[in-house]
Amino acid sequence: MKNEFERFKLEKFGIFVILFEILGAFGLFVGLIFTPILLVSSGGLAVLMLLGLITRIKLKDSLFASSPAMAYMVLNAYILYLGCNQ
């Protein structure tokens, strides 16, 4: 993962991205009990994955390399959508 951030020229953001991913994952678990935390966590992770997808598109990565970011973005956006419609 460190090599990827170096390739993206985003080394200074690496620790923040890792921290946000861990907090988001923890928030999804806690959000099973407290819906507002679920909404913030899924929304934050969806935005994080959108930014990752944009970065991969700018670097002209393949669809295969970009697909995990796209899949996690869609999944978190769907979780956010379901949470907002309860």
N, C-alpha and C. Protein backbone atom coordinates (compact mmCIF):
# COMPACT_ATOMS: atom_id res chain seq x y z
N MET A 1 0.82 -1.18 0.00
CA MET A 1 0.00 0.00 0.00
C MET A 1 0.88 1.26 0.00
N LYS A 2 1.99 1.19 0.70
CA LYS A 2 2.90 2.33 0.72
C LYS A 2 3.40 2.64 -0.69
N ASN A 3 3.71 1.61 -1.47
CA ASN A 3 4.17 1.81 -2.84
C ASN A 3 3.10 2.48 -3.69
N GLU A 4 1.84 2.12 -3.46
CA GLU A 4 0.74 2.73 -4.21
C GLU A 4 0.65 4.23 -3.92
N PHE A 5 0.76 4.61 -2.65
CA PHE A 5 0.70 6.03 -2.31
C PHE A 5 1.89 6.78 -2.90
N GLU A 6 3.04 6.15 -2.95
CA GLU A 6 4.19 6.78 -3.59
C GLU A 6 3.95 6.94 -5.08
N ARG A 7 3.36 5.93 -5.71
CA ARG A 7 3.06 6.01 -7.14
C ARG A 7 2.04 7.11 -7.42
N PHE A 8 1.09 7.29 -6.51
CA PHE A 8 0.06 8.33 -6.68
C PHE A 8 0.58 9.71 -6.30
N LYS A 9 1.81 9.75 -5.72
CA LYS A 9 2.38 10.99 -5.20
C LYS A 9 1.50 11.58 -4.09
N LEU A 10 1.00 10.69 -3.24
CA LEU A 10 0.15 11.09 -2.12
C LEU A 10 0.68 10.54 -0.80
N GLU A 11 2.01 10.46 -0.67
CA GLU A 11 2.61 9.86 0.52
C GLU A 11 2.16 10.54 1.81
N LYS A 12 2.01 11.86 1.76
CA LYS A 12 1.67 12.58 2.99
C LYS A 12 0.25 12.31 3.47
N PHE A 13 -0.61 11.74 2.61
CA PHE A 13 -1.99 11.44 2.99
C PHE A 13 -2.19 9.99 3.41
N GLY A 14 -1.17 9.17 3.27
CA GLY A 14 -1.29 7.74 3.53
C GLY A 14 -1.81 7.41 4.92
N ILE A 15 -1.24 8.04 5.94
CA ILE A 15 -1.64 7.74 7.32
C ILE A 15 -3.08 8.18 7.57
N PHE A 16 -3.49 9.30 6.96
CA PHE A 16 -4.87 9.76 7.13
C PHE A 16 -5.86 8.81 6.48
N VAL A 17 -5.53 8.34 5.29
CA VAL A 17 -6.41 7.40 4.59
C VAL A 17 -6.56 6.11 5.40
N ILE A 18 -5.45 5.60 5.91
CA ILE A 18 -5.50 4.38 6.72
C ILE A 18 -6.34 4.61 7.97
N LEU A 19 -6.14 5.74 8.63
CA LEU A 19 -6.91 6.06 9.83
C LEU A 19 -8.40 6.16 9.52
N PHE A 20 -8.75 6.85 8.43
CA PHE A 20 -10.16 6.99 8.05
C PHE A 20 -10.78 5.65 7.68
N GLU A 21 -10.02 4.78 7.04
CA GLU A 21 -10.54 3.45 6.69
C GLU A 21 -10.82 2.63 7.95
N ILE A 22 -9.91 2.69 8.92
CA ILE A 22 -10.11 1.95 10.17
C ILE A 22 -11.29 2.52 10.95
N LEU A 23 -11.36 3.85 11.06
CA LEU A 23 -12.48 4.48 11.76
C LEU A 23 -13.81 4.18 11.05
N GLY A 24 -13.79 4.19 9.73
CA GLY A 24 -15.00 3.89 8.96
C GLY A 24 -15.47 2.46 9.18
N ALA A 25 -14.53 1.53 9.18
CA ALA A 25 -14.89 0.12 9.40
C ALA A 25 -15.45 -0.06 10.81
N PHE A 26 -14.80 0.55 11.79
CA PHE A 26 -15.30 0.47 13.17
C PHE A 26 -16.69 1.12 13.27
N GLY A 27 -16.86 2.24 12.59
CA GLY A 27 -18.15 2.94 12.58
C GLY A 27 -19.25 2.12 11.96
N LEU A 28 -18.93 1.32 10.94
CA LEU A 28 -19.95 0.45 10.34
C LEU A 28 -20.43 -0.59 11.34
N PHE A 29 -19.51 -1.13 12.14
CA PHE A 29 -19.91 -2.11 13.16
C PHE A 29 -20.75 -1.46 14.26
N VAL A 30 -20.29 -0.32 14.76
CA VAL A 30 -21.04 0.39 15.79
C VAL A 30 -22.38 0.87 15.23
N GLY A 31 -22.39 1.21 13.95
CA GLY A 31 -23.60 1.68 13.30
C GLY A 31 -24.70 0.64 13.19
N LEU A 32 -24.37 -0.62 13.43
CA LEU A 32 -25.42 -1.63 13.47
C LEU A 32 -26.36 -1.39 14.65
N ILE A 33 -25.87 -0.67 15.66
CA ILE A 33 -26.68 -0.35 16.83
C ILE A 33 -27.16 1.10 16.77
N PHE A 34 -26.27 2.03 16.36
CA PHE A 34 -26.58 3.45 16.31
C PHE A 34 -26.58 3.92 14.85
N THR A 35 -27.76 4.09 14.29
CA THR A 35 -27.89 4.44 12.87
C THR A 35 -27.14 5.71 12.47
N PRO A 36 -27.14 6.78 13.27
CA PRO A 36 -26.40 7.98 12.83
C PRO A 36 -24.91 7.72 12.57
N ILE A 37 -24.31 6.85 13.38
CA ILE A 37 -22.90 6.52 13.17
C ILE A 37 -22.75 5.72 11.87
N LEU A 38 -23.70 4.87 11.57
CA LEU A 38 -23.68 4.11 10.31
C LEU A 38 -23.71 5.07 9.12
N LEU A 39 -24.55 6.09 9.20
CA LEU A 39 -24.67 7.04 8.09
C LEU A 39 -23.38 7.81 7.87
N VAL A 40 -22.78 8.28 8.95
CA VAL A 40 -21.53 9.04 8.84
C VAL A 40 -20.41 8.14 8.30
N SER A 41 -20.32 6.92 8.83
CA SER A 41 -19.26 6.00 8.43
C SER A 41 -19.39 5.58 6.97
N SER A 42 -20.59 5.18 6.58
CA SER A 42 -20.78 4.73 5.19
C SER A 42 -20.61 5.89 4.22
N GLY A 43 -21.09 7.06 4.59
CA GLY A 43 -20.91 8.24 3.74
C GLY A 43 -19.45 8.62 3.60
N GLY A 44 -18.73 8.60 4.71
CA GLY A 44 -17.31 8.91 4.68
C GLY A 44 -16.51 7.92 3.86
N LEU A 45 -16.82 6.63 4.02
CA LEU A 45 -16.11 5.61 3.24
C LEU A 45 -16.46 5.70 1.76
N ALA A 46 -17.71 6.05 1.44
CA ALA A 46 -18.09 6.21 0.03
C ALA A 46 -17.31 7.36 -0.60
N VAL A 47 -17.17 8.47 0.13
CA VAL A 47 -16.41 9.62 -0.39
C VAL A 47 -14.94 9.25 -0.53
N LEU A 48 -14.40 8.54 0.46
CA LEU A 48 -13.01 8.11 0.41
C LEU A 48 -12.75 7.23 -0.82
N MET A 49 -13.66 6.31 -1.09
CA MET A 49 -13.51 5.43 -2.25
C MET A 49 -13.71 6.19 -3.56
N LEU A 50 -14.59 7.19 -3.56
CA LEU A 50 -14.76 8.03 -4.74
C LEU A 50 -13.46 8.76 -5.06
N LEU A 51 -12.81 9.30 -4.04
CA LEU A 51 -11.53 9.99 -4.25
C LEU A 51 -10.46 9.01 -4.73
N GLY A 52 -10.47 7.79 -4.20
CA GLY A 52 -9.54 6.77 -4.67
C GLY A 52 -9.80 6.41 -6.12
N LEU A 53 -11.06 6.32 -6.49
CA LEU A 53 -11.42 6.00 -7.88
C LEU A 53 -11.00 7.13 -8.82
N ILE A 54 -11.22 8.37 -8.40
CA ILE A 54 -10.80 9.51 -9.22
C ILE A 54 -9.28 9.51 -9.41
N THR A 55 -8.56 9.19 -8.34
CA THR A 55 -7.10 9.12 -8.43
C THR A 55 -6.68 8.06 -9.43
N ARG A 56 -7.30 6.89 -9.37
CA ARG A 56 -6.94 5.81 -10.31
C ARG A 56 -7.30 6.17 -11.75
N ILE A 57 -8.40 6.88 -11.95
CA ILE A 57 -8.79 7.29 -13.30
C ILE A 57 -7.78 8.31 -13.83
N LYS A 58 -7.35 9.25 -12.99
CA LYS A 58 -6.36 10.25 -13.42
C LYS A 58 -5.04 9.59 -13.81
N LEU A 59 -4.68 8.50 -13.12
CA LEU A 59 -3.44 7.80 -13.43
C LEU A 59 -3.62 6.78 -14.56
N LYS A 60 -4.83 6.71 -15.08
CA LYS A 60 -5.15 5.81 -16.20
C LYS A 60 -4.89 4.33 -15.85
N ASP A 61 -5.27 3.97 -14.60
CA ASP A 61 -5.19 2.56 -14.21
C ASP A 61 -6.27 1.77 -14.94
N SER A 62 -6.07 0.49 -15.02
CA SER A 62 -7.03 -0.37 -15.70
C SER A 62 -8.33 -0.46 -14.92
N LEU A 63 -9.37 -0.91 -15.59
CA LEU A 63 -10.66 -1.13 -14.94
C LEU A 63 -10.53 -2.16 -13.84
N PHE A 64 -9.71 -3.18 -14.08
CA PHE A 64 -9.48 -4.23 -13.08
C PHE A 64 -8.86 -3.65 -11.81
N ALA A 65 -7.89 -2.76 -11.96
CA ALA A 65 -7.22 -2.16 -10.80
C ALA A 65 -8.14 -1.19 -10.08
N SER A 66 -9.06 -0.57 -10.81
CA SER A 66 -9.97 0.41 -10.23
C SER A 66 -11.23 -0.21 -9.64
N SER A 67 -11.51 -1.45 -9.98
CA SER A 67 -12.78 -2.06 -9.58
C SER A 67 -12.97 -2.20 -8.07
N PRO A 68 -11.95 -2.48 -7.25
CA PRO A 68 -12.23 -2.54 -5.80
C PRO A 68 -12.72 -1.20 -5.24
N ALA A 69 -12.10 -0.11 -5.63
CA ALA A 69 -12.54 1.20 -5.15
C ALA A 69 -13.97 1.48 -5.61
N MET A 70 -14.28 1.13 -6.85
CA MET A 70 -15.63 1.35 -7.36
C MET A 70 -16.65 0.49 -6.61
N ALA A 71 -16.31 -0.76 -6.36
CA ALA A 71 -17.23 -1.67 -5.69
C ALA A 71 -17.49 -1.21 -4.25
N TYR A 72 -16.43 -0.83 -3.53
CA TYR A 72 -16.61 -0.37 -2.15
C TYR A 72 -17.35 0.96 -2.10
N MET A 73 -17.14 1.81 -3.09
CA MET A 73 -17.87 3.06 -3.14
C MET A 73 -19.36 2.81 -3.31
N VAL A 74 -19.70 1.94 -4.25
CA VAL A 74 -21.11 1.62 -4.50
C VAL A 74 -21.73 0.95 -3.27
N LEU A 75 -21.01 0.02 -2.66
CA LEU A 75 -21.52 -0.68 -1.48
C LEU A 75 -21.79 0.29 -0.33
N ASN A 76 -20.86 1.19 -0.06
CA ASN A 76 -21.07 2.15 1.03
C ASN A 76 -22.14 3.17 0.70
N ALA A 77 -22.25 3.56 -0.55
CA ALA A 77 -23.33 4.47 -0.95
C ALA A 77 -24.68 3.78 -0.79
N TYR A 78 -24.75 2.49 -1.07
CA TYR A 78 -25.99 1.74 -0.90
C TYR A 78 -26.35 1.61 0.59
N ILE A 79 -25.36 1.37 1.42
CA ILE A 79 -25.59 1.31 2.88
C ILE A 79 -26.11 2.67 3.36
N LEU A 80 -25.51 3.74 2.88
CA LEU A 80 -25.96 5.08 3.23
C LEU A 80 -27.39 5.30 2.77
N TYR A 81 -27.70 4.90 1.56
CA TYR A 81 -29.06 5.03 1.02
C TYR A 81 -30.07 4.27 1.87
N LEU A 82 -29.76 3.03 2.20
CA LEU A 82 -30.67 2.24 3.03
C LEU A 82 -30.85 2.85 4.41
N GLY A 83 -29.75 3.35 4.99
CA GLY A 83 -29.83 3.97 6.30
C GLY A 83 -30.66 5.23 6.32
N CYS A 84 -30.60 6.01 5.24
CA CYS A 84 -31.37 7.24 5.16
C CYS A 84 -32.85 6.98 4.96
N ASN A 85 -33.19 5.83 4.42
CA ASN A 85 -34.59 5.51 4.12
C ASN A 85 -35.24 4.64 5.17
N GLN A 86 -34.70 4.62 6.37
CA GLN A 86 -35.33 3.84 7.45
C GLN A 86 -36.25 4.70 8.25
